Protein backbone atom coordinates (compact mmCIF):
# COMPACT_ATOMS: atom_id res chain seq x y z
CA MET A 1 2.80 20.20 -158.40
CA LEU A 2 2.78 21.19 -154.75
CA HIS A 3 2.02 24.71 -153.62
CA LYS A 4 3.63 26.25 -150.59
CA ARG A 5 1.23 27.39 -147.95
CA MET A 6 1.41 31.13 -147.39
CA THR A 7 1.74 32.15 -143.78
CA VAL A 8 1.13 35.52 -142.21
CA PRO A 9 4.09 36.72 -140.14
CA VAL A 10 3.33 36.85 -136.43
CA PHE A 11 4.98 39.68 -134.54
CA LYS A 12 5.80 39.04 -130.91
CA GLY A 13 6.92 41.10 -127.95
CA ARG A 14 9.40 43.85 -128.67
CA THR A 15 8.91 43.79 -132.46
CA LYS A 16 5.18 44.36 -132.04
CA LEU A 17 5.84 47.25 -129.64
CA ILE A 18 8.30 48.87 -132.06
CA LEU A 19 5.85 48.52 -134.96
CA LEU A 20 3.01 50.05 -132.94
CA ALA A 21 5.22 52.92 -131.76
CA GLY A 22 6.31 53.57 -135.35
CA LEU A 23 2.73 53.52 -136.55
CA ALA A 24 1.64 55.94 -133.81
CA THR A 25 4.56 58.28 -134.51
CA SER A 26 3.98 58.32 -138.26
CA SER A 27 0.25 58.94 -137.85
CA ILE A 28 0.97 61.93 -135.59
CA LEU A 29 3.59 63.33 -137.97
CA TYR A 30 1.49 62.90 -141.11
CA THR A 31 -1.64 64.54 -139.66
CA SER A 32 -0.36 68.02 -138.97
CA CYS A 33 -2.09 71.37 -138.99
CA GLN A 34 -1.52 73.75 -141.83
CA SER A 35 -2.11 77.48 -142.03
CA VAL A 36 -4.61 78.73 -144.56
CA LYS A 37 -3.20 81.34 -146.90
CA PRO A 38 -5.21 84.56 -147.41
CA TYR A 39 -6.06 83.75 -151.03
CA GLN A 40 -7.42 80.36 -149.93
CA LYS A 41 -9.90 81.96 -147.50
CA GLN A 42 -12.14 83.34 -150.24
CA TYR A 43 -14.35 80.25 -150.26
CA LEU A 44 -14.79 79.93 -146.49
CA ASN A 45 -17.70 82.38 -146.43
CA ASP A 46 -19.44 80.72 -149.38
CA HIS A 47 -23.02 79.67 -148.60
CA TYR A 48 -22.18 76.06 -149.44
CA MET A 49 -19.60 76.05 -146.64
CA GLN A 50 -22.07 77.11 -143.96
CA THR A 51 -23.30 74.51 -141.51
CA ASN A 52 -26.93 75.61 -141.46
CA ALA A 53 -29.24 74.32 -144.16
CA LEU A 54 -30.11 76.23 -147.30
CA PRO A 55 -33.72 77.49 -147.42
CA VAL A 56 -34.65 74.87 -150.02
CA GLU A 57 -33.18 72.07 -147.90
CA LYS A 58 -34.97 73.39 -144.83
CA LEU A 59 -38.31 73.36 -146.67
CA GLU A 60 -37.72 69.81 -147.94
CA SER A 61 -36.78 68.65 -144.46
CA GLU A 62 -39.92 70.20 -142.99
CA ALA A 63 -42.08 68.57 -145.65
CA ASP A 64 -40.42 65.21 -144.98
CA SER A 65 -41.05 65.50 -141.25
CA TYR A 66 -44.76 66.15 -141.83
CA ARG A 67 -45.00 63.39 -144.42
CA GLU A 68 -43.32 60.83 -142.18
CA GLY A 69 -45.81 61.55 -139.41
CA MET A 70 -45.40 59.24 -136.49
CA ILE A 71 -41.98 57.92 -137.49
CA GLY A 72 -40.26 61.22 -136.82
CA GLY A 73 -39.00 62.51 -140.16
CA MET A 74 -35.77 64.47 -140.37
CA ASP A 75 -36.19 67.03 -137.60
CA GLY A 76 -36.68 64.61 -134.75
CA LYS A 77 -40.34 65.59 -134.40
CA SER A 78 -42.63 62.74 -133.58
CA GLY A 79 -46.29 62.30 -132.91
CA GLY A 80 -49.40 61.68 -134.89
CA GLY A 81 -49.55 62.56 -138.55
CA CYS A 82 -52.65 64.66 -137.88
CA GLY A 83 -50.71 67.40 -136.09
CA CYS A 84 -52.31 66.75 -132.69
CA ASN A 85 -49.04 65.59 -131.04
C-alpha cells in the first residue's frame, strides 16, 4: 500500500502579500482597546495590583541578595558576601 507524500503549500508573490496583509489587518482589528466600566475599577487599587513589592516580598528579596553574596541576588547588588563591597 503506497502512501501519498504530504506537501506543504508554497505561497508565492501576490498570494503571499495578500495573506500577510490579511494577517496584519486582522491582528490590528482583534487587538483593540476597551473602556473599563466603573464597576470593574474596584480591583485596580487592590494591593495585589500594585507594581511595587509587598513588604514580605521585599524582605525575602533582601535576604536573598545577602545570601547570594557575590553573585548579585535579586536586587542587582554585588560584591563580597562579607558586606565590605
